PDB file of N, CA and C in Angstrom:
ATOM      1  N   GLY A   1     -15.427  17.895  17.453  1.00  0.00           N
ATOM      2  CA  GLY A   1     -14.277  18.434  18.107  1.00  0.00           C
ATOM      3  C   GLY A   1     -12.977  17.980  17.444  1.00  0.00           C
ATOM      4  N   PRO A   2     -11.863  18.380  17.977  1.00  0.00           N
ATOM      5  CA  PRO A   2     -10.555  18.057  17.386  1.00  0.00           C
ATOM      6  C   PRO A   2     -10.263  16.554  17.286  1.00  0.00           C
ATOM      7  N   VAL A   3     -10.715  15.781  18.283  1.00  0.00           N
ATOM      8  CA  VAL A   3     -10.459  14.330  18.225  1.00  0.00           C
ATOM      9  C   VAL A   3     -11.235  13.711  17.064  1.00  0.00           C
ATOM     10  N   ALA A   4     -12.519  14.023  16.957  1.00  0.00           N
ATOM     11  CA  ALA A   4     -13.336  13.488  15.865  1.00  0.00           C
ATOM     12  C   ALA A   4     -12.788  13.922  14.506  1.00  0.00           C
ATOM     13  N   GLU A   5     -12.350  15.172  14.394  1.00  0.00           N
ATOM     14  CA  GLU A   5     -11.773  15.654  13.137  1.00  0.00           C
ATOM     15  C   GLU A   5     -10.497  14.891  12.794  1.00  0.00           C
ATOM     16  N   THR A   6      -9.683  14.611  13.805  1.00  0.00           N
ATOM     17  CA  THR A   6      -8.442  13.861  13.582  1.00  0.00           C
ATOM     18  C   THR A   6      -8.762  12.463  13.066  1.00  0.00           C
ATOM     19  N   PHE A   7      -9.758  11.806  13.655  1.00  0.00           N
ATOM     20  CA  PHE A   7     -10.124  10.468  13.200  1.00  0.00           C
ATOM     21  C   PHE A   7     -10.737  10.487  11.803  1.00  0.00           C
ATOM     22  N   GLN A   8     -11.430  11.556  11.436  1.00  0.00           N
ATOM     23  CA  GLN A   8     -11.953  11.675  10.070  1.00  0.00           C
ATOM     24  C   GLN A   8     -10.803  11.743   9.072  1.00  0.00           C
ATOM     25  N   VAL A   9      -9.766  12.495   9.410  1.00  0.00           N
ATOM     26  CA  VAL A   9      -8.590  12.589   8.542  1.00  0.00           C
ATOM     27  C   VAL A   9      -7.906  11.226   8.438  1.00  0.00           C
ATOM     28  N   ILE A  10      -7.757  10.549   9.573  1.00  0.00           N
ATOM     29  CA  ILE A  10      -7.124   9.223   9.577  1.00  0.00           C
ATOM     30  C   ILE A  10      -7.933   8.266   8.708  1.00  0.00           C
ATOM     31  N   GLN A  11      -9.253   8.239   8.898  1.00  0.00           N
ATOM     32  CA  GLN A  11     -10.114   7.350   8.100  1.00  0.00           C
ATOM     33  C   GLN A  11      -9.935   7.623   6.610  1.00  0.00           C
ATOM     34  N   GLY A  12      -9.845   8.878   6.236  1.00  0.00           N
ATOM     35  CA  GLY A  12      -9.672   9.234   4.832  1.00  0.00           C
ATOM     36  C   GLY A  12      -8.317   8.844   4.272  1.00  0.00           C
ATOM     37  N   ALA A  13      -7.335   8.665   5.151  1.00  0.00           N
ATOM     38  CA  ALA A  13      -5.983   8.329   4.704  1.00  0.00           C
ATOM     39  C   ALA A  13      -5.720   6.821   4.679  1.00  0.00           C
ATOM     40  N   VAL A  14      -6.621   6.026   5.259  1.00  0.00           N
ATOM     41  CA  VAL A  14      -6.421   4.574   5.312  1.00  0.00           C
ATOM     42  C   VAL A  14      -6.513   3.995   3.904  1.00  0.00           C
ATOM     43  N   THR A  15      -5.493   3.223   3.551  1.00  0.00           N
ATOM     44  CA  THR A  15      -5.475   2.553   2.246  1.00  0.00           C
ATOM     45  C   THR A  15      -5.220   1.061   2.455  1.00  0.00           C
ATOM     46  N   GLU A  16      -5.497   0.276   1.431  1.00  0.00           N
ATOM     47  CA  GLU A  16      -5.215  -1.165   1.488  1.00  0.00           C
ATOM     48  C   GLU A  16      -3.722  -1.399   1.715  1.00  0.00           C
ATOM     49  N   GLU A  17      -2.871  -0.531   1.163  1.00  0.00           N
ATOM     50  CA  GLU A  17      -1.423  -0.680   1.354  1.00  0.00           C
ATOM     51  C   GLU A  17      -1.050  -0.531   2.825  1.00  0.00           C
ATOM     52  N   TYR A  18      -1.643   0.461   3.507  1.00  0.00           N
ATOM     53  CA  TYR A  18      -1.390   0.621   4.945  1.00  0.00           C
ATOM     54  C   TYR A  18      -1.844  -0.621   5.710  1.00  0.00           C
ATOM     55  N   VAL A  19      -3.003  -1.148   5.342  1.00  0.00           N
ATOM     56  CA  VAL A  19      -3.526  -2.341   6.007  1.00  0.00           C
ATOM     57  C   VAL A  19      -2.577  -3.515   5.782  1.00  0.00           C
ATOM     58  N   ARG A  20      -2.166  -3.743   4.531  1.00  0.00           N
ATOM     59  CA  ARG A  20      -1.247  -4.852   4.208  1.00  0.00           C
ATOM     60  C   ARG A  20       0.073  -4.726   4.951  1.00  0.00           C
ATOM     61  N   SER A  21       0.608  -3.526   5.022  1.00  0.00           N
ATOM     62  CA  SER A  21       1.940  -3.366   5.607  1.00  0.00           C
ATOM     63  C   SER A  21       1.926  -3.265   7.133  1.00  0.00           C
ATOM     64  N   THR A  22       0.815  -2.841   7.728  1.00  0.00           N
ATOM     65  CA  THR A  22       0.777  -2.645   9.173  1.00  0.00           C
ATOM     66  C   THR A  22       0.244  -3.868   9.912  1.00  0.00           C
ATOM     67  N   GLN A  23      -0.909  -4.357   9.504  1.00  0.00           N
ATOM     68  CA  GLN A  23      -1.538  -5.516  10.147  1.00  0.00           C
ATOM     69  C   GLN A  23      -1.650  -5.355  11.660  1.00  0.00           C
ATOM     70  N   GLY A  24      -2.208  -4.225  12.090  1.00  0.00           N
ATOM     71  CA  GLY A  24      -2.387  -3.971  13.513  1.00  0.00           C
ATOM     72  C   GLY A  24      -3.655  -3.188  13.797  1.00  0.00           C
ATOM     73  N   VAL A  25      -4.178  -3.377  14.999  1.00  0.00           N
ATOM     74  CA  VAL A  25      -5.349  -2.638  15.455  1.00  0.00           C
ATOM     75  C   VAL A  25      -4.936  -1.861  16.702  1.00  0.00           C
ATOM     76  N   PHE A  26      -5.207  -0.566  16.692  1.00  0.00           N
ATOM     77  CA  PHE A  26      -4.802   0.339  17.761  1.00  0.00           C
ATOM     78  C   PHE A  26      -6.050   0.900  18.439  1.00  0.00           C
ATOM     79  N   GLN A  27      -6.100   0.787  19.745  1.00  0.00           N
ATOM     80  CA  GLN A  27      -7.214   1.321  20.514  1.00  0.00           C
ATOM     81  C   GLN A  27      -6.680   2.441  21.393  1.00  0.00           C
ATOM     82  N   PHE A  28      -7.409   3.535  21.432  1.00  0.00           N
ATOM     83  CA  PHE A  28      -7.004   4.708  22.204  1.00  0.00           C
ATOM     84  C   PHE A  28      -8.058   4.981  23.261  1.00  0.00           C
ATOM     85  N   GLU A  29      -7.638   5.007  24.514  1.00  0.00           N
ATOM     86  CA  GLU A  29      -8.501   5.382  25.629  1.00  0.00           C
ATOM     87  C   GLU A  29      -8.151   6.826  25.959  1.00  0.00           C
ATOM     88  N   LEU A  30      -9.000   7.739  25.520  1.00  0.00           N
ATOM     89  CA  LEU A  30      -8.697   9.165  25.631  1.00  0.00           C
ATOM     90  C   LEU A  30      -9.487   9.809  26.756  1.00  0.00           C
ATOM     91  N   SER A  31      -8.825  10.689  27.510  1.00  0.00           N
ATOM     92  CA  SER A  31      -9.480  11.443  28.576  1.00  0.00           C
ATOM     93  C   SER A  31      -9.598  12.898  28.143  1.00  0.00           C
ATOM     94  N   GLY A  32     -10.512  13.609  28.750  1.00  0.00           N
ATOM     95  CA  GLY A  32     -10.685  15.025  28.423  1.00  0.00           C
ATOM     96  C   GLY A  32     -11.727  15.229  27.338  1.00  0.00           C
ATOM     97  N   ASP A  33     -11.733  16.426  26.748  1.00  0.00           N
ATOM     98  CA  ASP A  33     -12.706  16.761  25.708  1.00  0.00           C
ATOM     99  C   ASP A  33     -12.583  15.807  24.529  1.00  0.00           C
ATOM    100  N   GLY A  34     -13.701  15.241  24.105  1.00  0.00           N
ATOM    101  CA  GLY A  34     -13.691  14.314  22.984  1.00  0.00           C
ATOM    102  C   GLY A  34     -13.158  12.946  23.362  1.00  0.00           C
ATOM    103  N   GLY A  35     -13.036  12.702  24.655  1.00  0.00           N
ATOM    104  CA  GLY A  35     -12.472  11.446  25.133  1.00  0.00           C
ATOM    105  C   GLY A  35     -13.384  10.260  24.892  1.00  0.00           C
ATOM    106  N   GLY A  36     -12.932   9.126  25.380  1.00  0.00           N
ATOM    107  CA  GLY A  36     -13.657   7.882  25.195  1.00  0.00           C
ATOM    108  C   GLY A  36     -12.756   6.879  24.504  1.00  0.00           C
ATOM    109  N   THR A  37     -13.352   5.837  24.001  1.00  0.00           N
ATOM    110  CA  THR A  37     -12.613   4.794  23.297  1.00  0.00           C
ATOM    111  C   THR A  37     -12.695   5.051  21.801  1.00  0.00           C
ATOM    112  N   TRP A  38     -11.542   5.083  21.152  1.00  0.00           N
ATOM    113  CA  TRP A  38     -11.423   5.284  19.708  1.00  0.00           C
ATOM    114  C   TRP A  38     -10.486   4.209  19.160  1.00  0.00           C
ATOM    115  N   TYR A  39     -10.523   3.967  17.862  1.00  0.00           N
ATOM    116  CA  TYR A  39      -9.656   2.928  17.295  1.00  0.00           C
ATOM    117  C   TYR A  39      -9.201   3.265  15.879  1.00  0.00           C
ATOM    118  N   ILE A  40      -8.100   2.613  15.508  1.00  0.00           N
ATOM    119  CA  ILE A  40      -7.629   2.602  14.116  1.00  0.00           C
ATOM    120  C   ILE A  40      -7.385   1.134  13.788  1.00  0.00           C
ATOM    121  N   ASP A  41      -8.125   0.599  12.836  1.00  0.00           N
ATOM    122  CA  ASP A  41      -8.014  -0.806  12.435  1.00  0.00           C
ATOM    123  C   ASP A  41      -7.248  -0.873  11.115  1.00  0.00           C
ATOM    124  N   LEU A  42      -6.000  -1.288  11.204  1.00  0.00           N
ATOM    125  CA  LEU A  42      -5.172  -1.475  10.009  1.00  0.00           C
ATOM    126  C   LEU A  42      -4.859  -2.962   9.856  1.00  0.00           C
ATOM    127  N   LYS A  43      -5.866  -3.794  10.151  1.00  0.00           N
ATOM    128  CA  LYS A  43      -5.720  -5.238  10.038  1.00  0.00           C
ATOM    129  C   LYS A  43      -6.849  -5.833   9.191  1.00  0.00           C
ATOM    130  N   THR A  44      -8.059  -5.348   9.420  1.00  0.00           N
ATOM    131  CA  THR A  44      -9.229  -5.851   8.723  1.00  0.00           C
ATOM    132  C   THR A  44      -9.301  -5.267   7.317  1.00  0.00           C
ATOM    133  N   LYS A  45      -9.730  -6.068   6.342  1.00  0.00           N
ATOM    134  CA  LYS A  45      -9.816  -5.614   4.941  1.00  0.00           C
ATOM    135  C   LYS A  45     -10.479  -4.248   4.842  1.00  0.00           C
ATOM    136  N   GLY A  46      -9.827  -3.353   4.165  1.00  0.00           N
ATOM    137  CA  GLY A  46     -10.340  -2.001   3.968  1.00  0.00           C
ATOM    138  C   GLY A  46      -9.924  -1.022   5.059  1.00  0.00           C
ATOM    139  N   GLY A  47      -9.641  -1.543   6.252  1.00  0.00           N
ATOM    140  CA  GLY A  47      -9.250  -0.684   7.363  1.00  0.00           C
ATOM    141  C   GLY A  47     -10.387   0.223   7.789  1.00  0.00           C
ATOM    142  N   SER A  48     -10.279   0.781   8.973  1.00  0.00           N
ATOM    143  CA  SER A  48     -11.286   1.712   9.458  1.00  0.00           C
ATOM    144  C   SER A  48     -10.740   2.451  10.678  1.00  0.00           C
ATOM    145  N   ALA A  49     -11.431   3.504  11.040  1.00  0.00           N
ATOM    146  CA  ALA A  49     -11.062   4.289  12.213  1.00  0.00           C
ATOM    147  C   ALA A  49     -12.320   4.960  12.717  1.00  0.00           C
ATOM    148  N   GLY A  50     -12.414   5.125  14.041  1.00  0.00           N
ATOM    149  CA  GLY A  50     -13.574   5.811  14.564  1.00  0.00           C
ATOM    150  C   GLY A  50     -13.765   5.647  16.046  1.00  0.00           C
ATOM    151  N   PHE A  51     -14.974   6.011  16.490  1.00  0.00           N
ATOM    152  CA  PHE A  51     -15.324   5.996  17.899  1.00  0.00           C
ATOM    153  C   PHE A  51     -15.815   4.611  18.294  1.00  0.00           C
ATOM    154  N   GLY A  52     -15.464   4.192  19.511  1.00  0.00           N
ATOM    155  CA  GLY A  52     -15.911   2.903  20.027  1.00  0.00           C
ATOM    156  C   GLY A  52     -14.782   1.890  19.983  1.00  0.00           C
ATOM    157  N   LYS A  53     -15.129   0.665  20.340  1.00  0.00           N
ATOM    158  CA  LYS A  53     -14.127  -0.404  20.318  1.00  0.00           C
ATOM    159  C   LYS A  53     -14.026  -0.974  18.915  1.00  0.00           C
ATOM    160  N   PRO A  54     -12.835  -1.423  18.522  1.00  0.00           N
ATOM    161  CA  PRO A  54     -12.691  -2.045  17.204  1.00  0.00           C
ATOM    162  C   PRO A  54     -13.460  -3.363  17.140  1.00  0.00           C
ATOM    163  N   ARG A  55     -13.795  -3.804  15.929  1.00  0.00           N
ATOM    164  CA  ARG A  55     -14.549  -5.051  15.749  1.00  0.00           C
ATOM    165  C   ARG A  55     -13.726  -6.276  16.100  1.00  0.00           C
ATOM    166  N   VAL A  56     -12.410  -6.154  16.027  1.00  0.00           N
ATOM    167  CA  VAL A  56     -11.511  -7.257  16.381  1.00  0.00           C
ATOM    168  C   VAL A  56     -10.655  -6.790  17.557  1.00  0.00           C
ATOM    169  N   PRO A  57     -10.098  -7.724  18.333  1.00  0.00           N
ATOM    170  CA  PRO A  57      -9.284  -7.313  19.492  1.00  0.00           C
ATOM    171  C   PRO A  57      -8.102  -6.421  19.087  1.00  0.00           C
ATOM    172  N   ALA A  58      -7.848  -5.418  19.903  1.00  0.00           N
ATOM    173  CA  ALA A  58      -6.743  -4.491  19.637  1.00  0.00           C
ATOM    174  C   ALA A  58      -5.401  -5.158  19.922  1.00  0.00           C
ATOM    175  N   ASP A  59      -4.418  -4.849  19.098  1.00  0.00           N
ATOM    176  CA  ASP A  59      -3.049  -5.307  19.316  1.00  0.00           C
ATOM    177  C   ASP A  59      -2.324  -4.373  20.280  1.00  0.00           C
ATOM    178  N   VAL A  60      -2.728  -3.106  20.275  1.00  0.00           N
ATOM    179  CA  VAL A  60      -2.109  -2.086  21.125  1.00  0.00           C
ATOM    180  C   VAL A  60      -3.221  -1.230  21.712  1.00  0.00           C
ATOM    181  N   VAL A  61      -3.140  -0.974  23.020  1.00  0.00           N
ATOM    182  CA  VAL A  61      -4.080  -0.060  23.673  1.00  0.00           C
ATOM    183  C   VAL A  61      -3.249   1.052  24.307  1.00  0.00           C
ATOM    184  N   MET A  62      -3.566   2.281  23.952  1.00  0.00           N
ATOM    185  CA  MET A  62      -2.859   3.437  24.504  1.00  0.00           C
ATOM    186  C   MET A  62      -3.848   4.311  25.264  1.00  0.00           C
ATOM    187  N   SER A  63      -3.434   4.768  26.440  1.00  0.00           N
ATOM    188  CA  SER A  63      -4.243   5.697  27.222  1.00  0.00           C
ATOM    189  C   SER A  63      -3.518   7.033  27.277  1.00  0.00           C
ATOM    190  N   MET A  64      -4.234   8.096  26.949  1.00  0.00           N
ATOM    191  CA  MET A  64      -3.637   9.429  26.955  1.00  0.00           C
ATOM    192  C   MET A  64      -4.739  10.472  26.951  1.00  0.00           C
ATOM    193  N   SER A  65      -4.353  11.715  27.141  1.00  0.00           N
ATOM    194  CA  SER A  65      -5.332  12.798  27.070  1.00  0.00           C
ATOM    195  C   SER A  65      -5.688  13.056  25.607  1.00  0.00           C
ATOM    196  N   SER A  66      -6.889  13.545  25.409  1.00  0.00           N
ATOM    197  CA  SER A  66      -7.331  13.907  24.057  1.00  0.00           C
ATOM    198  C   SER A  66      -6.411  14.958  23.453  1.00  0.00           C
ATOM    199  N   ALA A  67      -5.977  15.900  24.278  1.00  0.00           N
ATOM    200  CA  ALA A  67      -5.098  16.970  23.795  1.00  0.00           C
ATOM    201  C   ALA A  67      -3.781  16.408  23.277  1.00  0.00           C
ATOM    202  N   ASP A  68      -3.186  15.456  24.023  1.00  0.00           N
ATOM    203  CA  ASP A  68      -1.929  14.845  23.566  1.00  0.00           C
ATOM    204  C   ASP A  68      -2.138  14.024  22.304  1.00  0.00           C
ATOM    205  N   PHE A  69      -3.280  13.344  22.191  1.00  0.00           N
ATOM    206  CA  PHE A  69      -3.572  12.569  20.990  1.00  0.00           C
ATOM    207  C   PHE A  69      -3.586  13.472  19.760  1.00  0.00           C
ATOM    208  N   VAL A  70      -4.315  14.576  19.859  1.00  0.00           N
ATOM    209  CA  VAL A  70      -4.403  15.504  18.720  1.00  0.00           C
ATOM    210  C   VAL A  70      -3.022  16.070  18.397  1.00  0.00           C
ATOM    211  N   LYS A  71      -2.260  16.440  19.423  1.00  0.00           N
ATOM    212  CA  LYS A  71      -0.904  16.954  19.186  1.00  0.00           C
ATOM    213  C   LYS A  71      -0.030  15.906  18.507  1.00  0.00           C
ATOM    214  N   MET A  72      -0.156  14.644  18.915  1.00  0.00           N
ATOM    215  CA  MET A  72       0.660  13.576  18.332  1.00  0.00           C
ATOM    216  C   MET A  72       0.348  13.410  16.843  1.00  0.00           C
ATOM    217  N   PHE A  73      -0.923  13.484  16.469  1.00  0.00           N
ATOM    218  CA  PHE A  73      -1.293  13.272  15.073  1.00  0.00           C
ATOM    219  C   PHE A  73      -1.187  14.536  14.219  1.00  0.00           C
ATOM    220  N   THR A  74      -0.954  15.677  14.844  1.00  0.00           N
ATOM    221  CA  THR A  74      -0.705  16.900  14.070  1.00  0.00           C
ATOM    222  C   THR A  74       0.778  17.246  14.116  1.00  0.00           C
ATOM    223  N   ASP A  75       1.580  16.300  14.610  1.00  0.00           N
ATOM    224  CA  ASP A  75       3.041  16.402  14.651  1.00  0.00           C
ATOM    225  C   ASP A  75       3.549  17.500  15.576  1.00  0.00           C
ATOM    226  N   SER A  76       2.724  17.893  16.540  1.00  0.00           N
ATOM    227  CA  SER A  76       3.174  18.865  17.539  1.00  0.00           C
ATOM    228  C   SER A  76       3.829  18.176  18.731  1.00  0.00           C
ATOM    229  N   LEU A  77       3.607  16.867  18.846  1.00  0.00           N
ATOM    230  CA  LEU A  77       4.151  16.097  19.961  1.00  0.00           C
ATOM    231  C   LEU A  77       4.634  14.765  19.404  1.00  0.00           C
ATOM    232  N   LYS A  78       5.868  14.442  19.644  1.00  0.00           N
ATOM    233  CA  LYS A  78       6.456  13.205  19.126  1.00  0.00           C
ATOM    234  C   LYS A  78       5.908  11.997  19.887  1.00  0.00           C
ATOM    235  N   PRO A  79       5.581  10.898  19.186  1.00  0.00           N
ATOM    236  CA  PRO A  79       5.043   9.703  19.850  1.00  0.00           C
ATOM    237  C   PRO A  79       5.914   9.201  21.001  1.00  0.00           C
ATOM    238  N   PHE A  80       7.244   9.323  20.893  1.00  0.00           N
ATOM    239  CA  PHE A  80       8.125   8.888  21.966  1.00  0.00           C
ATOM    240  C   PHE A  80       7.824   9.657  23.248  1.00  0.00           C
ATOM    241  N   MET A  81       7.574  10.946  23.124  1.00  0.00           N
ATOM    242  CA  MET A  81       7.277  11.766  24.304  1.00  0.00           C
ATOM    243  C   MET A  81       5.935  11.363  24.918  1.00  0.00           C
ATOM    244  N   VAL A  82       4.966  10.985  24.084  1.00  0.00           N
ATOM    245  CA  VAL A  82       3.671  10.508  24.588  1.00  0.00           C
ATOM    246  C   VAL A  82       3.908   9.234  25.388  1.00  0.00           C
ATOM    247  N   PHE A  83       4.727   8.353  24.858  1.00  0.00           N
ATOM    248  CA  PHE A  83       5.028   7.087  25.530  1.00  0.00           C
ATOM    249  C   PHE A  83       5.664   7.332  26.887  1.00  0.00           C
ATOM    250  N   MET A  84       6.596   8.275  26.948  1.00  0.00           N
ATOM    251  CA  MET A  84       7.298   8.558  28.199  1.00  0.00           C
ATOM    252  C   MET A  84       6.332   9.176  29.189  1.00  0.00           C
TER     253      MET A  84
END
């Protein structure tokens, strides 16, 4: 589905430079189609993204609908609006 496809794109875009400059782990608690727990690890060597909990504790946990998550990462919805 769209959430899994979005995480595949994110995983493909993760670089050592992003990991070095970000040093954060993000966990997403998504509701709706494709929901569940997903993560982006930009702290651990090599970085990673996918379904389930990250291997290390998350620095940030965000809860949102799957639809808003996909919109946020396809630039249809600004992160500030998701936060609000």
